[in-house]
Amino acid sequence: MAYQGALEAIMTKTTWNIFKKMSYLNKSEESFKRAVKLAPNDIEIRFMRLAVQYEIPEYLGYSRDMESDRKFIVQNIASFKAQSIPIALRQQIVGFMFRSKLFTPSEIEKFKLTLAV
C-alpha cells in the first residue's frame, strides 16, 4: 500500500494538468493513510511517507504527517531491519536524512550506526 502511495505521488510528474496532479496526490495520501493504519509500527512505511511529503510543496497541504513520522522514525530506528536492504539504498536513506535537514546530526549518526553505513 505504501509503495502504491509513493508511485501515485510520482505520477504527478507525468502530467501538466493540475487537476490530474491533485488527483494523484489525493490517491497517494489515501494509500499512505491505509498503509499506516494497516501497519502503524512499520518504520519503512513512515519513512516512505515522510520522503514523499518532503518533496511536495507545503502550501498544497499534503505535508501534515512529516513531524509525526520524523518523531516515529527517531524513536524506533533501533527496530529497523537494515540487513535486507542493499547498502546503496541504505546510503541513499542516510543521504536523504542529511539533505532534508529534518534530522539533527546526532540522529543522523545514530541512523548511520543502525543502517551500518
N, C-alpha and C. Protein backbone atom coordinates (compact mmCIF):
# COMPACT_ATOMS: atom_id res chain seq x y z
N MET A 1 0.82 -1.18 0.00
CA MET A 1 0.00 0.00 0.00
C MET A 1 0.89 1.27 0.00
N ALA A 2 1.96 1.25 0.78
CA ALA A 2 2.85 2.41 0.83
C ALA A 2 3.58 2.61 -0.49
N TYR A 3 3.98 1.51 -1.11
CA TYR A 3 4.63 1.63 -2.42
C TYR A 3 3.66 2.20 -3.44
N GLN A 4 2.41 1.81 -3.36
CA GLN A 4 1.39 2.35 -4.25
C GLN A 4 1.27 3.86 -4.02
N GLY A 5 1.26 4.28 -2.76
CA GLY A 5 1.19 5.71 -2.44
C GLY A 5 2.37 6.48 -3.01
N ALA A 6 3.55 5.89 -2.92
CA ALA A 6 4.74 6.55 -3.47
C ALA A 6 4.64 6.67 -4.99
N LEU A 7 4.17 5.60 -5.64
CA LEU A 7 4.03 5.63 -7.09
C LEU A 7 2.97 6.65 -7.53
N GLU A 8 1.90 6.75 -6.78
CA GLU A 8 0.86 7.72 -7.11
C GLU A 8 1.41 9.15 -7.01
N ALA A 9 2.25 9.39 -6.03
CA ALA A 9 2.87 10.72 -5.90
C ALA A 9 3.82 10.98 -7.08
N ILE A 10 4.56 9.97 -7.47
CA ILE A 10 5.48 10.12 -8.59
C ILE A 10 4.72 10.40 -9.89
N MET A 11 3.52 9.87 -10.00
CA MET A 11 2.71 10.07 -11.21
C MET A 11 2.40 11.54 -11.46
N THR A 12 2.50 12.38 -10.45
CA THR A 12 2.24 13.81 -10.66
C THR A 12 3.23 14.40 -11.66
N LYS A 13 4.37 13.78 -11.81
CA LYS A 13 5.38 14.28 -12.74
C LYS A 13 5.08 13.91 -14.19
N THR A 14 4.04 13.10 -14.40
CA THR A 14 3.74 12.63 -15.75
C THR A 14 2.70 13.49 -16.47
N THR A 15 2.17 14.49 -15.79
CA THR A 15 1.12 15.30 -16.40
C THR A 15 1.31 16.78 -16.05
N TRP A 16 0.84 17.63 -16.94
CA TRP A 16 0.86 19.07 -16.69
C TRP A 16 -0.50 19.54 -16.17
N ASN A 17 -1.50 18.68 -16.26
CA ASN A 17 -2.84 19.01 -15.85
C ASN A 17 -2.91 19.08 -14.32
N ILE A 18 -3.19 20.26 -13.78
CA ILE A 18 -3.19 20.46 -12.33
C ILE A 18 -4.24 19.60 -11.64
N PHE A 19 -5.38 19.39 -12.29
CA PHE A 19 -6.43 18.56 -11.69
C PHE A 19 -5.99 17.10 -11.59
N LYS A 20 -5.28 16.64 -12.60
CA LYS A 20 -4.76 15.28 -12.59
C LYS A 20 -3.69 15.14 -11.50
N LYS A 21 -2.82 16.17 -11.39
CA LYS A 21 -1.79 16.15 -10.35
C LYS A 21 -2.43 16.05 -8.96
N MET A 22 -3.47 16.86 -8.73
CA MET A 22 -4.13 16.85 -7.43
C MET A 22 -4.81 15.50 -7.18
N SER A 23 -5.35 14.91 -8.23
CA SER A 23 -5.97 13.59 -8.10
C SER A 23 -4.94 12.55 -7.67
N TYR A 24 -3.76 12.59 -8.28
CA TYR A 24 -2.69 11.67 -7.91
C TYR A 24 -2.27 11.89 -6.45
N LEU A 25 -2.16 13.16 -6.04
CA LEU A 25 -1.76 13.45 -4.66
C LEU A 25 -2.82 12.96 -3.67
N ASN A 26 -4.08 13.15 -4.01
CA ASN A 26 -5.15 12.66 -3.13
C ASN A 26 -5.10 11.14 -3.00
N LYS A 27 -4.88 10.46 -4.11
CA LYS A 27 -4.77 9.00 -4.08
C LYS A 27 -3.57 8.57 -3.24
N SER A 28 -2.45 9.28 -3.42
CA SER A 28 -1.24 8.97 -2.67
C SER A 28 -1.48 9.12 -1.17
N GLU A 29 -2.10 10.21 -0.79
CA GLU A 29 -2.37 10.45 0.62
C GLU A 29 -3.25 9.35 1.21
N GLU A 30 -4.28 8.96 0.48
CA GLU A 30 -5.17 7.89 0.95
C GLU A 30 -4.43 6.55 1.06
N SER A 31 -3.59 6.25 0.09
CA SER A 31 -2.83 5.00 0.14
C SER A 31 -1.91 4.97 1.34
N PHE A 32 -1.23 6.08 1.61
CA PHE A 32 -0.35 6.13 2.78
C PHE A 32 -1.15 6.02 4.08
N LYS A 33 -2.31 6.66 4.15
CA LYS A 33 -3.14 6.55 5.35
C LYS A 33 -3.53 5.10 5.61
N ARG A 34 -3.94 4.40 4.54
CA ARG A 34 -4.31 3.00 4.69
C ARG A 34 -3.10 2.15 5.11
N ALA A 35 -1.95 2.43 4.51
CA ALA A 35 -0.74 1.66 4.85
C ALA A 35 -0.37 1.84 6.32
N VAL A 36 -0.44 3.07 6.81
CA VAL A 36 -0.11 3.33 8.21
C VAL A 36 -1.15 2.70 9.13
N LYS A 37 -2.40 2.74 8.71
CA LYS A 37 -3.46 2.13 9.52
C LYS A 37 -3.27 0.62 9.61
N LEU A 38 -2.88 -0.02 8.50
CA LEU A 38 -2.66 -1.46 8.48
C LEU A 38 -1.41 -1.88 9.25
N ALA A 39 -0.38 -1.03 9.24
CA ALA A 39 0.89 -1.36 9.90
C ALA A 39 1.44 -0.10 10.59
N PRO A 40 0.81 0.31 11.69
CA PRO A 40 1.19 1.57 12.33
C PRO A 40 2.62 1.62 12.88
N ASN A 41 3.23 0.47 13.09
CA ASN A 41 4.58 0.44 13.65
C ASN A 41 5.66 0.14 12.62
N ASP A 42 5.32 0.21 11.35
CA ASP A 42 6.28 -0.09 10.29
C ASP A 42 7.08 1.17 9.96
N ILE A 43 8.34 1.14 10.30
CA ILE A 43 9.21 2.31 10.11
C ILE A 43 9.46 2.59 8.62
N GLU A 44 9.47 1.56 7.79
CA GLU A 44 9.69 1.76 6.36
C GLU A 44 8.55 2.55 5.74
N ILE A 45 7.31 2.24 6.13
CA ILE A 45 6.15 2.98 5.63
C ILE A 45 6.24 4.44 6.06
N ARG A 46 6.59 4.66 7.31
CA ARG A 46 6.68 6.03 7.82
C ARG A 46 7.78 6.81 7.10
N PHE A 47 8.90 6.14 6.83
CA PHE A 47 9.98 6.81 6.11
C PHE A 47 9.55 7.16 4.69
N MET A 48 8.88 6.23 4.02
CA MET A 48 8.43 6.50 2.65
C MET A 48 7.47 7.68 2.61
N ARG A 49 6.52 7.71 3.55
CA ARG A 49 5.57 8.81 3.58
C ARG A 49 6.28 10.13 3.87
N LEU A 50 7.23 10.11 4.79
CA LEU A 50 8.00 11.31 5.10
C LEU A 50 8.74 11.81 3.87
N ALA A 51 9.41 10.91 3.17
CA ALA A 51 10.19 11.31 1.99
C ALA A 51 9.29 11.88 0.89
N VAL A 52 8.13 11.26 0.68
CA VAL A 52 7.20 11.76 -0.34
C VAL A 52 6.67 13.13 0.07
N GLN A 53 6.24 13.26 1.32
CA GLN A 53 5.68 14.54 1.76
C GLN A 53 6.72 15.65 1.76
N TYR A 54 7.97 15.29 2.01
CA TYR A 54 9.03 16.29 1.98
C TYR A 54 9.16 16.91 0.58
N GLU A 55 8.96 16.11 -0.45
CA GLU A 55 9.11 16.58 -1.83
C GLU A 55 7.91 17.39 -2.33
N ILE A 56 6.78 17.31 -1.65
CA ILE A 56 5.58 18.03 -2.06
C ILE A 56 5.60 19.41 -1.42
N PRO A 57 5.38 20.48 -2.19
CA PRO A 57 5.36 21.82 -1.58
C PRO A 57 4.36 21.90 -0.43
N GLU A 58 4.79 22.47 0.68
CA GLU A 58 3.96 22.52 1.89
C GLU A 58 2.63 23.23 1.66
N TYR A 59 2.63 24.26 0.81
CA TYR A 59 1.41 25.04 0.62
C TYR A 59 0.26 24.22 0.04
N LEU A 60 0.55 23.04 -0.49
CA LEU A 60 -0.51 22.18 -1.04
C LEU A 60 -1.26 21.41 0.06
N GLY A 61 -0.69 21.40 1.26
CA GLY A 61 -1.37 20.77 2.39
C GLY A 61 -1.22 19.27 2.51
N TYR A 62 -0.24 18.70 1.84
CA TYR A 62 -0.02 17.25 1.91
C TYR A 62 1.17 16.89 2.79
N SER A 63 1.60 17.81 3.63
CA SER A 63 2.81 17.58 4.42
C SER A 63 2.52 17.52 5.91
N ARG A 64 1.30 17.25 6.28
CA ARG A 64 0.93 17.35 7.69
C ARG A 64 1.41 16.19 8.56
N ASP A 65 1.89 15.11 7.97
CA ASP A 65 2.36 13.97 8.76
C ASP A 65 3.87 13.96 8.95
N MET A 66 4.55 14.93 8.39
CA MET A 66 6.01 14.90 8.41
C MET A 66 6.59 14.87 9.82
N GLU A 67 6.12 15.73 10.69
CA GLU A 67 6.71 15.79 12.03
C GLU A 67 6.41 14.52 12.83
N SER A 68 5.20 14.02 12.75
CA SER A 68 4.89 12.79 13.50
C SER A 68 5.69 11.60 12.94
N ASP A 69 5.86 11.55 11.61
CA ASP A 69 6.66 10.48 11.02
C ASP A 69 8.13 10.62 11.41
N ARG A 70 8.63 11.84 11.41
CA ARG A 70 10.02 12.08 11.80
C ARG A 70 10.25 11.60 13.23
N LYS A 71 9.37 11.98 14.13
CA LYS A 71 9.49 11.57 15.53
C LYS A 71 9.41 10.05 15.67
N PHE A 72 8.49 9.44 14.93
CA PHE A 72 8.34 7.98 14.97
C PHE A 72 9.63 7.31 14.51
N ILE A 73 10.21 7.80 13.44
CA ILE A 73 11.46 7.22 12.91
C ILE A 73 12.57 7.34 13.94
N VAL A 74 12.72 8.51 14.54
CA VAL A 74 13.78 8.73 15.53
C VAL A 74 13.59 7.78 16.72
N GLN A 75 12.36 7.64 17.18
CA GLN A 75 12.09 6.80 18.35
C GLN A 75 12.23 5.31 18.07
N ASN A 76 12.05 4.91 16.82
CA ASN A 76 12.00 3.48 16.51
C ASN A 76 13.09 2.98 15.57
N ILE A 77 14.10 3.79 15.30
CA ILE A 77 15.13 3.40 14.34
C ILE A 77 15.85 2.11 14.76
N ALA A 78 15.95 1.86 16.04
CA ALA A 78 16.66 0.66 16.51
C ALA A 78 15.95 -0.62 16.07
N SER A 79 14.65 -0.55 15.81
CA SER A 79 13.91 -1.75 15.40
C SER A 79 13.94 -1.98 13.89
N PHE A 80 14.58 -1.09 13.16
CA PHE A 80 14.62 -1.18 11.70
C PHE A 80 15.54 -2.32 11.29
N LYS A 81 15.06 -3.19 10.42
CA LYS A 81 15.83 -4.34 9.94
C LYS A 81 16.57 -3.96 8.66
N ALA A 82 17.77 -3.45 8.81
CA ALA A 82 18.54 -2.93 7.68
C ALA A 82 19.26 -4.00 6.87
N GLN A 83 19.44 -5.18 7.43
CA GLN A 83 20.23 -6.21 6.76
C GLN A 83 19.66 -6.62 5.40
N SER A 84 18.35 -6.53 5.24
CA SER A 84 17.73 -6.97 3.99
C SER A 84 17.74 -5.89 2.91
N ILE A 85 18.27 -4.72 3.25
CA ILE A 85 18.29 -3.60 2.29
C ILE A 85 19.70 -3.44 1.74
N PRO A 86 19.84 -3.33 0.43
CA PRO A 86 21.18 -3.15 -0.16
C PRO A 86 21.88 -1.91 0.41
N ILE A 87 23.19 -2.00 0.54
CA ILE A 87 23.99 -0.91 1.13
C ILE A 87 23.79 0.40 0.37
N ALA A 88 23.68 0.34 -0.94
CA ALA A 88 23.50 1.57 -1.72
C ALA A 88 22.20 2.28 -1.33
N LEU A 89 21.15 1.51 -1.10
CA LEU A 89 19.87 2.10 -0.69
C LEU A 89 19.97 2.66 0.72
N ARG A 90 20.66 1.97 1.59
CA ARG A 90 20.87 2.48 2.95
C ARG A 90 21.63 3.80 2.92
N GLN A 91 22.60 3.90 2.03
CA GLN A 91 23.36 5.15 1.89
C GLN A 91 22.45 6.27 1.37
N GLN A 92 21.54 5.94 0.47
CA GLN A 92 20.61 6.95 -0.03
C GLN A 92 19.66 7.41 1.07
N ILE A 93 19.24 6.50 1.93
CA ILE A 93 18.37 6.86 3.05
C ILE A 93 19.08 7.86 3.96
N VAL A 94 20.32 7.57 4.32
CA VAL A 94 21.09 8.48 5.17
C VAL A 94 21.33 9.80 4.44
N GLY A 95 21.60 9.73 3.14
CA GLY A 95 21.78 10.96 2.35
C GLY A 95 20.54 11.83 2.38
N PHE A 96 19.36 11.22 2.26
CA PHE A 96 18.11 11.97 2.35
C PHE A 96 17.98 12.62 3.72
N MET A 97 18.29 11.86 4.75
CA MET A 97 18.17 12.39 6.11
C MET A 97 19.06 13.61 6.30
N PHE A 98 20.24 13.56 5.74
CA PHE A 98 21.17 14.69 5.83
C PHE A 98 20.68 15.86 4.97
N ARG A 99 20.34 15.57 3.72
CA ARG A 99 19.93 16.59 2.76
C ARG A 99 18.64 17.31 3.17
N SER A 100 17.72 16.58 3.76
CA SER A 100 16.42 17.15 4.09
C SER A 100 16.49 18.12 5.28
N LYS A 101 17.53 17.99 6.07
CA LYS A 101 17.69 18.82 7.27
C LYS A 101 16.52 18.65 8.26
N LEU A 102 15.86 17.50 8.18
CA LEU A 102 14.77 17.19 9.11
C LEU A 102 15.29 16.52 10.38
N PHE A 103 16.54 16.06 10.33
CA PHE A 103 17.12 15.32 11.44
C PHE A 103 18.37 16.02 11.95
N THR A 104 18.63 15.89 13.24
CA THR A 104 19.82 16.50 13.83
C THR A 104 21.05 15.67 13.46
N PRO A 105 22.23 16.26 13.56
CA PRO A 105 23.45 15.49 13.29
C PRO A 105 23.58 14.25 14.17
N SER A 106 23.18 14.34 15.43
CA SER A 106 23.28 13.16 16.31
C SER A 106 22.28 12.08 15.90
N GLU A 107 21.10 12.47 15.44
CA GLU A 107 20.13 11.49 14.95
C GLU A 107 20.67 10.81 13.69
N ILE A 108 21.29 11.57 12.82
CA ILE A 108 21.85 11.01 11.59
C ILE A 108 22.96 10.02 11.92
N GLU A 109 23.80 10.33 12.89
CA GLU A 109 24.87 9.41 13.30
C GLU A 109 24.28 8.12 13.85
N LYS A 110 23.20 8.23 14.61
CA LYS A 110 22.52 7.05 15.13
C LYS A 110 21.98 6.20 13.97
N PHE A 111 21.42 6.86 12.97
CA PHE A 111 20.91 6.14 11.80
C PHE A 111 22.04 5.45 11.06
N LYS A 112 23.18 6.13 10.92
CA LYS A 112 24.32 5.53 10.24
C LYS A 112 24.75 4.23 10.93
N LEU A 113 24.78 4.26 12.26
CA LEU A 113 25.16 3.07 13.01
C LEU A 113 24.13 1.96 12.82
N THR A 114 22.87 2.32 12.91
CA THR A 114 21.80 1.33 12.77
C THR A 114 21.78 0.72 11.37
N LEU A 115 21.98 1.57 10.37
CA LEU A 115 21.96 1.11 8.98
C LEU A 115 23.28 0.54 8.54
N ALA A 116 24.31 0.63 9.39
CA ALA A 116 25.65 0.14 9.08
C ALA A 116 26.18 0.73 7.80
N VAL A 117 26.08 2.06 7.71
CA VAL A 117 26.56 2.78 6.52
C VAL A 117 27.94 3.33 6.81
